[in-house]
């Protein structure tokens, strides 16, 4: 079965992905008792305005008693290069 698997990702793209994953760092800030935000730093990308993190994630927890917890997540990509479809 493994002989039928074909790797179609370009070698340059593979190397770029590996570089970004190996160089990825993040920080976590608490916004409130039910929310936190994460700043994701990648070696090849940056926020064009501040020069900081190219991505931010906001996680908000809705606590509706002891049995129900709903998690809402917002992901923001600040570097336009992260929006390229290829």
PDB file of N, CA and C in Angstrom:
ATOM      1  N   UNK A   1       0.824  -1.198   0.000  1.00  0.00           N
ATOM      2  CA  UNK A   1       0.000   0.000   0.000  1.00  0.00           C
ATOM      3  C   UNK A   1       0.868   1.263   0.000  1.00  0.00           C
ATOM      4  N   UNK A   2       1.994   1.252   0.737  1.00  0.00           N
ATOM      5  CA  UNK A   2       2.861   2.429   0.793  1.00  0.00           C
ATOM      6  C   UNK A   2       3.472   2.756  -0.563  1.00  0.00           C
ATOM      7  N   UNK A   3       3.601   1.807  -1.435  1.00  0.00           N
ATOM      8  CA  UNK A   3       4.201   2.041  -2.749  1.00  0.00           C
ATOM      9  C   UNK A   3       3.326   2.948  -3.616  1.00  0.00           C
ATOM     10  N   UNK A   4       2.053   3.109  -3.283  1.00  0.00           N
ATOM     11  CA  UNK A   4       1.131   3.928  -4.065  1.00  0.00           C
ATOM     12  C   UNK A   4       1.124   5.392  -3.637  1.00  0.00           C
ATOM     13  N   UNK A   5       1.841   5.741  -2.581  1.00  0.00           N
ATOM     14  CA  UNK A   5       1.863   7.110  -2.084  1.00  0.00           C
ATOM     15  C   UNK A   5       2.883   7.909  -2.884  1.00  0.00           C
ATOM     16  N   UNK A   6       2.440   9.038  -3.445  1.00  0.00           N
ATOM     17  CA  UNK A   6       3.305   9.898  -4.240  1.00  0.00           C
ATOM     18  C   UNK A   6       3.431  11.230  -3.523  1.00  0.00           C
ATOM     19  N   UNK A   7       4.654  11.676  -3.327  1.00  0.00           N
ATOM     20  CA  UNK A   7       4.908  12.948  -2.671  1.00  0.00           C
ATOM     21  C   UNK A   7       4.880  14.054  -3.722  1.00  0.00           C
ATOM     22  N   UNK A   8       3.885  14.940  -3.643  1.00  0.00           N
ATOM     23  CA  UNK A   8       3.715  15.970  -4.667  1.00  0.00           C
ATOM     24  C   UNK A   8       4.129  17.364  -4.195  1.00  0.00           C
ATOM     25  N   UNK A   9       4.636  17.483  -2.988  1.00  0.00           N
ATOM     26  CA  UNK A   9       5.059  18.792  -2.484  1.00  0.00           C
ATOM     27  C   UNK A   9       6.444  19.107  -3.051  1.00  0.00           C
ATOM     28  N   UNK A  10       6.575  20.295  -3.577  1.00  0.00           N
ATOM     29  CA  UNK A  10       7.842  20.770  -4.114  1.00  0.00           C
ATOM     30  C   UNK A  10       8.915  20.737  -3.026  1.00  0.00           C
ATOM     31  N   UNK A  11      10.127  20.371  -3.394  1.00  0.00           N
ATOM     32  CA  UNK A  11      11.228  20.259  -2.429  1.00  0.00           C
ATOM     33  C   UNK A  11      11.534  21.597  -1.753  1.00  0.00           C
ATOM     34  N   UNK A  12      11.433  22.707  -2.501  1.00  0.00           N
ATOM     35  CA  UNK A  12      11.655  24.030  -1.906  1.00  0.00           C
ATOM     36  C   UNK A  12      10.603  24.350  -0.852  1.00  0.00           C
ATOM     37  N   UNK A  13       9.346  23.992  -1.145  1.00  0.00           N
ATOM     38  CA  UNK A  13       8.265  24.217  -0.184  1.00  0.00           C
ATOM     39  C   UNK A  13       8.471  23.370   1.060  1.00  0.00           C
ATOM     40  N   UNK A  14       8.892  22.135   0.887  1.00  0.00           N
ATOM     41  CA  UNK A  14       9.177  21.264   2.034  1.00  0.00           C
ATOM     42  C   UNK A  14      10.243  21.889   2.929  1.00  0.00           C
ATOM     43  N   UNK A  15      11.303  22.384   2.309  1.00  0.00           N
ATOM     44  CA  UNK A  15      12.379  22.994   3.084  1.00  0.00           C
ATOM     45  C   UNK A  15      11.914  24.258   3.795  1.00  0.00           C
ATOM     46  N   UNK A  16      11.067  25.059   3.130  1.00  0.00           N
ATOM     47  CA  UNK A  16      10.524  26.275   3.744  1.00  0.00           C
ATOM     48  C   UNK A  16       9.655  25.924   4.949  1.00  0.00           C
ATOM     49  N   UNK A  17       8.811  24.927   4.803  1.00  0.00           N
ATOM     50  CA  UNK A  17       7.941  24.495   5.910  1.00  0.00           C
ATOM     51  C   UNK A  17       8.794  24.008   7.081  1.00  0.00           C
ATOM     52  N   UNK A  18       9.800  23.210   6.785  1.00  0.00           N
ATOM     53  CA  UNK A  18      10.677  22.699   7.848  1.00  0.00           C
ATOM     54  C   UNK A  18      11.385  23.845   8.569  1.00  0.00           C
ATOM     55  N   UNK A  19      11.875  24.832   7.799  1.00  0.00           N
ATOM     56  CA  UNK A  19      12.555  25.985   8.391  1.00  0.00           C
ATOM     57  C   UNK A  19      11.617  26.766   9.316  1.00  0.00           C
ATOM     58  N   UNK A  20      10.364  26.992   8.870  1.00  0.00           N
ATOM     59  CA  UNK A  20       9.410  27.757   9.678  1.00  0.00           C
ATOM     60  C   UNK A  20       9.029  27.005  10.954  1.00  0.00           C
ATOM     61  N   UNK A  21       8.816  25.712  10.848  1.00  0.00           N
ATOM     62  CA  UNK A  21       8.433  24.927  12.025  1.00  0.00           C
ATOM     63  C   UNK A  21       9.584  24.870  13.028  1.00  0.00           C
ATOM     64  N   UNK A  22      10.792  24.648  12.533  1.00  0.00           N
ATOM     65  CA  UNK A  22      11.942  24.566  13.434  1.00  0.00           C
ATOM     66  C   UNK A  22      12.258  25.912  14.093  1.00  0.00           C
ATOM     67  N   UNK A  23      11.947  27.026  13.422  1.00  0.00           N
ATOM     68  CA  UNK A  23      12.238  28.338  13.977  1.00  0.00           C
ATOM     69  C   UNK A  23      11.068  29.020  14.660  1.00  0.00           C
ATOM     70  N   UNK A  24       9.925  28.354  14.713  1.00  0.00           N
ATOM     71  CA  UNK A  24       8.725  28.954  15.289  1.00  0.00           C
ATOM     72  C   UNK A  24       8.858  29.098  16.806  1.00  0.00           C
ATOM     73  N   UNK A  25       8.499  30.273  17.296  1.00  0.00           N
ATOM     74  CA  UNK A  25       8.422  30.518  18.734  1.00  0.00           C
ATOM     75  C   UNK A  25       7.097  31.228  19.008  1.00  0.00           C
ATOM     76  N   UNK A  26       6.715  31.303  20.260  1.00  0.00           N
ATOM     77  CA  UNK A  26       5.452  31.965  20.597  1.00  0.00           C
ATOM     78  C   UNK A  26       5.508  32.490  22.018  1.00  0.00           C
ATOM     79  N   UNK A  27       4.641  33.435  22.273  1.00  0.00           N
ATOM     80  CA  UNK A  27       4.440  33.932  23.631  1.00  0.00           C
ATOM     81  C   UNK A  27       2.955  33.868  23.932  1.00  0.00           C
ATOM     82  N   UNK A  28       2.632  33.774  25.193  1.00  0.00           N
ATOM     83  CA  UNK A  28       1.232  33.677  25.617  1.00  0.00           C
ATOM     84  C   UNK A  28       0.958  34.766  26.641  1.00  0.00           C
ATOM     85  N   UNK A  29      -0.122  35.503  26.421  1.00  0.00           N
ATOM     86  CA  UNK A  29      -0.557  36.534  27.357  1.00  0.00           C
ATOM     87  C   UNK A  29      -1.993  36.236  27.784  1.00  0.00           C
ATOM     88  N   UNK A  30      -2.280  36.448  29.046  1.00  0.00           N
ATOM     89  CA  UNK A  30      -3.655  36.307  29.517  1.00  0.00           C
ATOM     90  C   UNK A  30      -4.364  37.643  29.353  1.00  0.00           C
ATOM     91  N   UNK A  31      -5.466  37.645  28.619  1.00  0.00           N
ATOM     92  CA  UNK A  31      -6.233  38.869  28.401  1.00  0.00           C
ATOM     93  C   UNK A  31      -7.230  39.098  29.528  1.00  0.00           C
ATOM     94  N   UNK A  32      -7.801  38.000  30.022  1.00  0.00           N
ATOM     95  CA  UNK A  32      -8.799  38.059  31.092  1.00  0.00           C
ATOM     96  C   UNK A  32      -8.867  36.662  31.705  1.00  0.00           C
ATOM     97  N   UNK A  33      -9.679  36.462  32.726  1.00  0.00           N
ATOM     98  CA  UNK A  33      -9.781  35.113  33.298  1.00  0.00           C
ATOM     99  C   UNK A  33     -10.312  34.062  32.306  1.00  0.00           C
ATOM    100  N   UNK A  34     -10.974  34.502  31.245  1.00  0.00           N
ATOM    101  CA  UNK A  34     -11.523  33.545  30.286  1.00  0.00           C
ATOM    102  C   UNK A  34     -10.962  33.718  28.875  1.00  0.00           C
ATOM    103  N   UNK A  35      -9.857  34.435  28.742  1.00  0.00           N
ATOM    104  CA  UNK A  35      -9.286  34.637  27.404  1.00  0.00           C
ATOM    105  C   UNK A  35      -7.771  34.732  27.478  1.00  0.00           C
ATOM    106  N   UNK A  36      -7.144  34.247  26.432  1.00  0.00           N
ATOM    107  CA  UNK A  36      -5.697  34.355  26.313  1.00  0.00           C
ATOM    108  C   UNK A  36      -5.360  34.651  24.859  1.00  0.00           C
ATOM    109  N   UNK A  37      -4.183  35.217  24.654  1.00  0.00           N
ATOM    110  CA  UNK A  37      -3.751  35.470  23.283  1.00  0.00           C
ATOM    111  C   UNK A  37      -2.330  34.946  23.122  1.00  0.00           C
ATOM    112  N   UNK A  38      -2.087  34.388  21.963  1.00  0.00           N
ATOM    113  CA  UNK A  38      -0.798  33.818  21.625  1.00  0.00           C
ATOM    114  C   UNK A  38      -0.238  34.587  20.445  1.00  0.00           C
ATOM    115  N   UNK A  39       1.028  34.986  20.529  1.00  0.00           N
ATOM    116  CA  UNK A  39       1.734  35.608  19.408  1.00  0.00           C
ATOM    117  C   UNK A  39       2.673  34.557  18.833  1.00  0.00           C
ATOM    118  N   UNK A  40       2.554  34.302  17.542  1.00  0.00           N
ATOM    119  CA  UNK A  40       3.351  33.283  16.874  1.00  0.00           C
ATOM    120  C   UNK A  40       4.411  33.981  16.019  1.00  0.00           C
ATOM    121  N   UNK A  41       5.671  33.641  16.254  1.00  0.00           N
ATOM    122  CA  UNK A  41       6.791  34.230  15.514  1.00  0.00           C
ATOM    123  C   UNK A  41       7.372  33.189  14.567  1.00  0.00           C
ATOM    124  N   UNK A  42       7.548  33.579  13.305  1.00  0.00           N
ATOM    125  CA  UNK A  42       8.136  32.714  12.289  1.00  0.00           C
ATOM    126  C   UNK A  42       9.369  33.401  11.703  1.00  0.00           C
ATOM    127  N   UNK A  43      10.415  32.642  11.368  1.00  0.00           N
ATOM    128  CA  UNK A  43      11.665  33.254  10.914  1.00  0.00           C
ATOM    129  C   UNK A  43      11.541  34.120   9.660  1.00  0.00           C
ATOM    130  N   UNK A  44      10.699  33.752   8.711  1.00  0.00           N
ATOM    131  CA  UNK A  44      10.647  34.453   7.424  1.00  0.00           C
ATOM    132  C   UNK A  44       9.496  35.448   7.297  1.00  0.00           C
ATOM    133  N   UNK A  45       8.707  35.623   8.350  1.00  0.00           N
ATOM    134  CA  UNK A  45       7.527  36.475   8.260  1.00  0.00           C
ATOM    135  C   UNK A  45       7.509  37.459   9.422  1.00  0.00           C
ATOM    136  N   UNK A  46       6.850  38.596   9.207  1.00  0.00           N
ATOM    137  CA  UNK A  46       6.722  39.587  10.284  1.00  0.00           C
ATOM    138  C   UNK A  46       5.517  40.487   9.993  1.00  0.00           C
ATOM    139  N   UNK A  47       5.054  41.153  11.018  1.00  0.00           N
ATOM    140  CA  UNK A  47       3.988  42.138  10.875  1.00  0.00           C
ATOM    141  C   UNK A  47       4.595  43.346  10.156  1.00  0.00           C
ATOM    142  N   UNK A  48       4.048  43.755   8.993  1.00  0.00           N
ATOM    143  CA  UNK A  48       4.648  44.862   8.256  1.00  0.00           C
ATOM    144  C   UNK A  48       4.574  46.201   8.986  1.00  0.00           C
ATOM    145  N   UNK A  49       3.664  46.376   9.914  1.00  0.00           N
ATOM    146  CA  UNK A  49       3.524  47.643  10.632  1.00  0.00           C
ATOM    147  C   UNK A  49       4.481  47.710  11.823  1.00  0.00           C
ATOM    148  N   UNK A  50       4.442  46.684  12.676  1.00  0.00           N
ATOM    149  CA  UNK A  50       5.236  46.720  13.904  1.00  0.00           C
ATOM    150  C   UNK A  50       6.555  45.958  13.795  1.00  0.00           C
ATOM    151  N   UNK A  51       6.676  45.090  12.798  1.00  0.00           N
ATOM    152  CA  UNK A  51       7.863  44.256  12.683  1.00  0.00           C
ATOM    153  C   UNK A  51       7.858  43.088  13.646  1.00  0.00           C
ATOM    154  N   UNK A  52       6.748  42.889  14.329  1.00  0.00           N
ATOM    155  CA  UNK A  52       6.639  41.820  15.325  1.00  0.00           C
ATOM    156  C   UNK A  52       6.067  40.537  14.764  1.00  0.00           C
ATOM    157  N   UNK A  53       5.274  39.888  15.566  1.00  0.00           N
ATOM    158  CA  UNK A  53       4.721  38.579  15.224  1.00  0.00           C
ATOM    159  C   UNK A  53       3.824  38.656  13.996  1.00  0.00           C
ATOM    160  N   UNK A  54       3.987  37.719  13.049  1.00  0.00           N
ATOM    161  CA  UNK A  54       3.146  37.711  11.866  1.00  0.00           C
ATOM    162  C   UNK A  54       1.769  37.106  12.117  1.00  0.00           C
ATOM    163  N   UNK A  55       1.584  36.463  13.253  1.00  0.00           N
ATOM    164  CA  UNK A  55       0.297  35.852  13.541  1.00  0.00           C
ATOM    165  C   UNK A  55      -0.069  35.959  15.002  1.00  0.00           C
ATOM    166  N   UNK A  56      -1.372  36.030  15.245  1.00  0.00           N
ATOM    167  CA  UNK A  56      -1.873  36.118  16.617  1.00  0.00           C
ATOM    168  C   UNK A  56      -3.119  35.246  16.711  1.00  0.00           C
ATOM    169  N   UNK A  57      -3.254  34.572  17.816  1.00  0.00           N
ATOM    170  CA  UNK A  57      -4.433  33.749  18.067  1.00  0.00           C
ATOM    171  C   UNK A  57      -5.058  34.197  19.378  1.00  0.00           C
ATOM    172  N   UNK A  58      -6.356  34.427  19.356  1.00  0.00           N
ATOM    173  CA  UNK A  58      -7.099  34.793  20.566  1.00  0.00           C
ATOM    174  C   UNK A  58      -8.034  33.639  20.888  1.00  0.00           C
ATOM    175  N   UNK A  59      -7.921  33.139  22.100  1.00  0.00           N
ATOM    176  CA  UNK A  59      -8.757  32.023  22.539  1.00  0.00           C
ATOM    177  C   UNK A  59      -9.624  32.520  23.679  1.00  0.00           C
ATOM    178  N   UNK A  60     -10.931  32.375  23.512  1.00  0.00           N
ATOM    179  CA  UNK A  60     -11.898  32.833  24.520  1.00  0.00           C
ATOM    180  C   UNK A  60     -12.703  31.636  24.991  1.00  0.00           C
ATOM    181  N   UNK A  61     -12.764  31.462  26.284  1.00  0.00           N
ATOM    182  CA  UNK A  61     -13.504  30.352  26.876  1.00  0.00           C
ATOM    183  C   UNK A  61     -14.835  30.856  27.406  1.00  0.00           C
ATOM    184  N   UNK A  62     -15.912  30.248  26.965  1.00  0.00           N
ATOM    185  CA  UNK A  62     -17.239  30.528  27.523  1.00  0.00           C
ATOM    186  C   UNK A  62     -17.562  29.403  28.491  1.00  0.00           C
ATOM    187  N   UNK A  63     -17.612  29.738  29.764  1.00  0.00           N
ATOM    188  CA  UNK A  63     -17.869  28.741  30.795  1.00  0.00           C
ATOM    189  C   UNK A  63     -19.326  28.824  31.220  1.00  0.00           C
ATOM    190  N   UNK A  64     -20.097  27.796  30.878  1.00  0.00           N
ATOM    191  CA  UNK A  64     -21.528  27.778  31.185  1.00  0.00           C
ATOM    192  C   UNK A  64     -21.822  26.707  32.227  1.00  0.00           C
ATOM    193  N   UNK A  65     -21.372  26.794  33.374  1.00  0.00           N
ATOM    194  CA  UNK A  65     -21.499  25.881  34.504  1.00  0.00           C
ATOM    195  C   UNK A  65     -20.347  24.893  34.475  1.00  0.00           C
ATOM    196  N   UNK A  66     -20.457  23.816  35.202  1.00  0.00           N
ATOM    197  CA  UNK A  66     -19.339  22.880  35.307  1.00  0.00           C
ATOM    198  C   UNK A  66     -19.322  21.824  34.214  1.00  0.00           C
ATOM    199  N   UNK A  67     -20.359  21.759  33.387  1.00  0.00           N
ATOM    200  CA  UNK A  67     -20.429  20.711  32.368  1.00  0.00           C
ATOM    201  C   UNK A  67     -20.158  21.199  30.953  1.00  0.00           C
ATOM    202  N   UNK A  68     -20.337  22.472  30.683  1.00  0.00           N
ATOM    203  CA  UNK A  68     -20.251  22.972  29.312  1.00  0.00           C
ATOM    204  C   UNK A  68     -19.193  24.065  29.197  1.00  0.00           C
ATOM    205  N   UNK A  69     -18.233  23.808  28.359  1.00  0.00           N
ATOM    206  CA  UNK A  69     -17.207  24.795  28.062  1.00  0.00           C
ATOM    207  C   UNK A  69     -17.133  24.935  26.547  1.00  0.00           C
ATOM    208  N   UNK A  70     -17.278  26.145  26.045  1.00  0.00           N
ATOM    209  CA  UNK A  70     -17.176  26.410  24.621  1.00  0.00           C
ATOM    210  C   UNK A  70     -15.941  27.262  24.382  1.00  0.00           C
ATOM    211  N   UNK A  71     -15.159  26.891  23.387  1.00  0.00           N
ATOM    212  CA  UNK A  71     -13.931  27.612  23.082  1.00  0.00           C
ATOM    213  C   UNK A  71     -14.077  28.272  21.720  1.00  0.00           C
ATOM    214  N   UNK A  72     -13.911  29.591  21.691  1.00  0.00           N
ATOM    215  CA  UNK A  72     -13.942  30.353  20.441  1.00  0.00           C
ATOM    216  C   UNK A  72     -12.509  30.788  20.137  1.00  0.00           C
ATOM    217  N   UNK A  73     -12.068  30.556  18.909  1.00  0.00           N
ATOM    218  CA  UNK A  73     -10.701  30.885  18.520  1.00  0.00           C
ATOM    219  C   UNK A  73     -10.706  31.815  17.321  1.00  0.00           C
ATOM    220  N   UNK A  74      -9.910  32.862  17.384  1.00  0.00           N
ATOM    221  CA  UNK A  74      -9.721  33.789  16.271  1.00  0.00           C
ATOM    222  C   UNK A  74      -8.247  33.763  15.899  1.00  0.00           C
ATOM    223  N   UNK A  75      -7.955  33.554  14.629  1.00  0.00           N
ATOM    224  CA  UNK A  75      -6.577  33.542  14.149  1.00  0.00           C
ATOM    225  C   UNK A  75      -6.400  34.725  13.205  1.00  0.00           C
ATOM    226  N   UNK A  76      -5.367  35.526  13.449  1.00  0.00           N
ATOM    227  CA  UNK A  76      -5.103  36.720  12.647  1.00  0.00           C
ATOM    228  C   UNK A  76      -3.723  36.581  12.017  1.00  0.00           C
ATOM    229  N   UNK A  77      -3.665  36.657  10.686  1.00  0.00           N
ATOM    230  CA  UNK A  77      -2.395  36.642   9.959  1.00  0.00           C
ATOM    231  C   UNK A  77      -2.086  38.074   9.552  1.00  0.00           C
ATOM    232  N   UNK A  78      -1.027  38.662  10.112  1.00  0.00           N
ATOM    233  CA  UNK A  78      -0.695  40.058   9.829  1.00  0.00           C
ATOM    234  C   UNK A  78       0.236  40.236   8.634  1.00  0.00           C
ATOM    235  N   UNK A  79       1.033  39.226   8.301  1.00  0.00           N
ATOM    236  CA  UNK A  79       1.956  39.348   7.167  1.00  0.00           C
ATOM    237  C   UNK A  79       1.216  38.944   5.893  1.00  0.00           C
ATOM    238  N   UNK A  80       1.108  39.839   4.908  1.00  0.00           N
ATOM    239  CA  UNK A  80       0.408  39.510   3.658  1.00  0.00           C
ATOM    240  C   UNK A  80       0.976  38.290   2.942  1.00  0.00           C
ATOM    241  N   UNK A  81       2.257  37.971   3.153  1.00  0.00           N
ATOM    242  CA  UNK A  81       2.842  36.801   2.506  1.00  0.00           C
ATOM    243  C   UNK A  81       2.206  35.500   2.980  1.00  0.00           C
ATOM    244  N   UNK A  82       1.590  35.509   4.157  1.00  0.00           N
ATOM    245  CA  UNK A  82       0.922  34.313   4.657  1.00  0.00           C
ATOM    246  C   UNK A  82      -0.425  34.080   3.974  1.00  0.00           C
ATOM    247  N   UNK A  83      -0.888  35.022   3.187  1.00  0.00           N
ATOM    248  CA  UNK A  83      -2.172  34.906   2.493  1.00  0.00           C
ATOM    249  C   UNK A  83      -2.036  34.361   1.070  1.00  0.00           C
ATOM    250  N   UNK A  84      -0.813  34.092   0.621  1.00  0.00           N
ATOM    251  CA  UNK A  84      -0.611  33.592  -0.740  1.00  0.00           C
ATOM    252  C   UNK A  84      -1.223  32.208  -0.870  1.00  0.00           C
ATOM    253  N   UNK A  85      -1.962  32.004  -1.940  1.00  0.00           N
ATOM    254  CA  UNK A  85      -2.673  30.733  -2.099  1.00  0.00           C
ATOM    255  C   UNK A  85      -1.746  29.563  -2.393  1.00  0.00           C
ATOM    256  N   UNK A  86      -0.587  29.822  -2.989  1.00  0.00           N
ATOM    257  CA  UNK A  86       0.300  28.698  -3.284  1.00  0.00           C
ATOM    258  C   UNK A  86       0.975  28.200  -2.034  1.00  0.00           C
TER     259      UNK A  86
END
